Protein backbone atom coordinates (compact mmCIF):
# COMPACT_ATOMS: atom_id res chain seq x y z
CA MET A 1 -27.54 -1.91 -18.58
CA GLY A 2 -23.82 -1.20 -18.22
CA PHE A 3 -24.11 0.06 -14.71
CA ARG A 4 -26.20 -2.91 -13.56
CA LEU A 5 -23.62 -5.26 -15.03
CA TRP A 6 -20.83 -3.40 -13.18
CA VAL A 7 -22.71 -3.87 -9.87
CA VAL A 8 -23.05 -7.60 -10.50
CA THR A 9 -19.32 -7.99 -11.39
CA ALA A 10 -18.29 -5.93 -8.34
CA ALA A 11 -20.36 -8.25 -6.12
CA ILE A 12 -18.46 -11.31 -7.40
CA GLY A 13 -15.03 -9.68 -7.13
CA LEU A 14 -14.52 -8.41 -10.67
CA ALA A 15 -14.91 -4.70 -9.99
CA GLY A 16 -12.81 -2.54 -12.16
CA ALA A 17 -12.88 -4.96 -15.05
CA GLY A 18 -15.01 -2.38 -16.97
CA CYS A 19 -18.17 -3.15 -18.82
CA SER A 20 -19.26 -1.96 -22.23
CA GLY A 21 -16.33 0.43 -22.30
CA ALA A 22 -17.29 2.03 -18.96
CA PRO A 23 -14.41 3.35 -16.90
CA ALA A 24 -13.30 1.21 -13.97
CA ARG A 25 -14.60 2.28 -10.55
CA PRO A 26 -13.03 1.76 -7.12
CA ALA A 27 -14.29 -1.43 -5.54
CA GLY A 28 -16.40 -1.30 -2.48
CA CYS A 29 -15.48 -2.84 0.87
CA GLN A 30 -18.67 -4.81 1.50
CA GLY A 31 -18.07 -8.40 2.54
CA LEU A 32 -14.35 -8.05 3.17
CA ALA A 33 -12.60 -9.13 6.36
CA VAL A 34 -12.06 -6.12 8.63
CA ILE A 35 -8.90 -5.03 10.46
CA ARG A 36 -9.73 -2.25 12.93
CA PHE A 37 -7.38 0.55 14.07
CA ALA A 38 -7.37 3.13 16.83
CA GLU A 39 -8.19 6.60 15.47
CA HIS A 40 -4.67 7.98 16.06
CA LEU A 41 -3.34 5.51 13.44
CA CYS A 42 -5.90 6.18 10.70
CA ASP A 43 -4.11 8.91 8.83
CA ARG A 44 -1.00 6.73 8.57
CA VAL A 45 -3.10 3.73 7.40
CA GLU A 46 -5.02 5.72 4.81
CA SER A 47 -1.90 7.48 3.44
CA GLY A 48 -0.03 4.14 3.12
CA ARG A 49 2.64 5.15 5.65
CA LYS A 50 1.49 2.26 7.88
CA GLN A 51 1.40 -1.07 6.06
CA ILE A 52 1.82 -3.46 8.95
CA THR A 53 -0.05 -4.48 12.08
CA LEU A 54 0.73 -6.85 14.93
CA ARG A 55 -2.25 -8.77 16.40
CA ALA A 56 -2.65 -11.18 19.33
CA ARG A 57 -3.33 -14.88 18.66
CA ILE A 58 -2.76 -17.01 15.66
CA ARG A 59 -5.29 -15.72 13.12
CA THR A 60 -6.11 -17.77 10.04
CA GLU A 61 -9.14 -15.96 8.65
CA ILE A 62 -7.04 -13.55 6.56
CA ARG A 63 -4.45 -14.85 4.09
CA ALA A 64 -1.85 -13.33 1.77
CA GLY A 65 -3.61 -12.12 -1.38
CA ASP A 66 -6.89 -11.32 0.39
CA GLN A 67 -8.54 -7.96 0.06
CA VAL A 68 -9.40 -6.46 3.48
CA LYS A 69 -11.20 -3.43 4.86
CA LEU A 70 -8.96 -1.28 7.13
CA THR A 71 -11.41 0.55 9.43
CA CYS A 72 -11.01 3.30 12.02
CA MET A 73 -12.84 2.27 15.18
CA GLN A 74 -14.21 5.62 16.22
CA SER A 75 -14.93 7.45 12.93
CA GLY A 76 -15.69 4.50 10.76
CA ARG A 77 -13.36 5.84 8.01
CA ALA A 78 -12.30 2.88 5.81
CA ALA A 79 -9.85 1.88 3.09
CA ARG A 80 -9.33 -1.24 1.11
CA ALA A 81 -5.99 -2.96 0.89
CA ARG A 82 -4.39 -6.23 -0.34
CA ILE A 83 -2.67 -8.44 2.24
CA THR A 84 0.89 -9.17 1.03
CA SER A 85 1.98 -11.42 3.88
CA VAL A 86 0.73 -13.10 7.08
CA ARG A 87 3.24 -14.44 9.54
CA HIS A 88 2.44 -16.40 12.68
CA THR A 89 4.89 -16.07 15.57
CA SER A 90 5.09 -15.07 19.18
CA TRP A 91 5.59 -11.56 20.57
CA ARG A 92 9.19 -12.62 21.25
CA GLY A 93 9.56 -13.76 17.60
CA ILE A 94 8.53 -10.48 16.06
CA GLU A 95 11.49 -9.37 14.03
CA ASP A 96 13.37 -6.13 14.53
CA ARG A 97 12.31 -4.98 11.01
CA GLU A 98 8.65 -5.62 11.85
CA LEU A 99 8.91 -3.68 15.11
CA ALA A 100 10.56 -0.75 13.31
CA ASP A 101 8.02 -0.80 10.43
CA ASP A 102 5.21 -0.61 12.99
CA GLY A 103 6.82 2.29 14.83
CA PHE A 104 8.46 0.52 17.80
CA GLN A 105 12.06 0.65 18.78
CA SER A 106 12.10 -2.52 20.91
CA ARG A 107 10.01 -5.27 22.40
CA GLU A 108 10.23 -3.41 25.70
CA GLN A 109 8.42 -0.53 24.03
CA LEU A 110 5.98 -2.80 22.19
CA LEU A 111 4.59 -4.84 25.02
CA PRO A 112 3.14 -2.06 27.23
CA VAL A 113 1.38 -0.61 24.17
CA MET A 114 0.02 -3.99 23.07
CA ARG A 115 -1.10 -4.80 26.64
CA GLY A 116 -3.43 -1.77 26.29
CA TYR A 117 -5.25 -3.69 23.56
CA TYR A 118 -4.55 -7.26 24.78
CA PRO A 119 -4.21 -7.27 28.61
CA GLY A 120 -1.98 -9.91 30.05
CA ILE A 121 -0.05 -10.88 26.89
CA GLY A 122 3.45 -12.16 27.35
CA LEU A 123 6.47 -12.57 25.12
CA ASP A 124 5.67 -16.23 24.44
CA ASP A 125 2.03 -15.71 23.55
CA PRO A 126 1.10 -16.17 19.91
CA ALA A 127 0.89 -13.19 17.51
CA THR A 128 0.11 -12.56 13.85
CA VAL A 129 1.89 -10.05 11.66
CA TYR A 130 -0.01 -8.66 8.69
CA ARG A 131 1.46 -6.62 5.87
CA TRP A 132 -0.48 -4.95 3.08
CA ASP A 133 -0.24 -2.67 0.11
CA SER A 134 -2.50 -1.11 -2.52
CA VAL A 135 -4.42 1.09 -0.06
CA GLU A 136 -7.41 2.89 -1.62
CA PRO A 137 -10.51 4.52 -0.19
CA CYS A 138 -13.64 2.36 -0.04
CA ASP A 139 -16.26 3.30 -2.57
CA HIS A 140 -19.40 3.92 -0.48
CA ARG A 141 -21.92 4.02 -3.33
């Protein structure tokens, strides 16, 4: 009975609360919004060394405090994280600290890389900056 109760609480977002003295289990990633990454970034994402991403457009589907699934596009490896901040700006408005935290030295270095993902973007086009913490592997049970 305790395991069934844990499954129900996990489905409604109470995973880890423990039931009948059972130890907490890592929460799964089913039903979470997904942020996808190129495979060469996955080790940094999973280890917690990468905790920021810059995305094209103003995106409103993910908010600070949300749990998300961080997924590697090619391998499907996945981790769960908590979004700590969401900032809407333009590519020109991305702050120097955000650039550095995402591994870029300048906007001049950023734009060619981002155009590989988002062809045709310009400095005045909208962008969203996500930050997260609490990275843990997804429980695939």
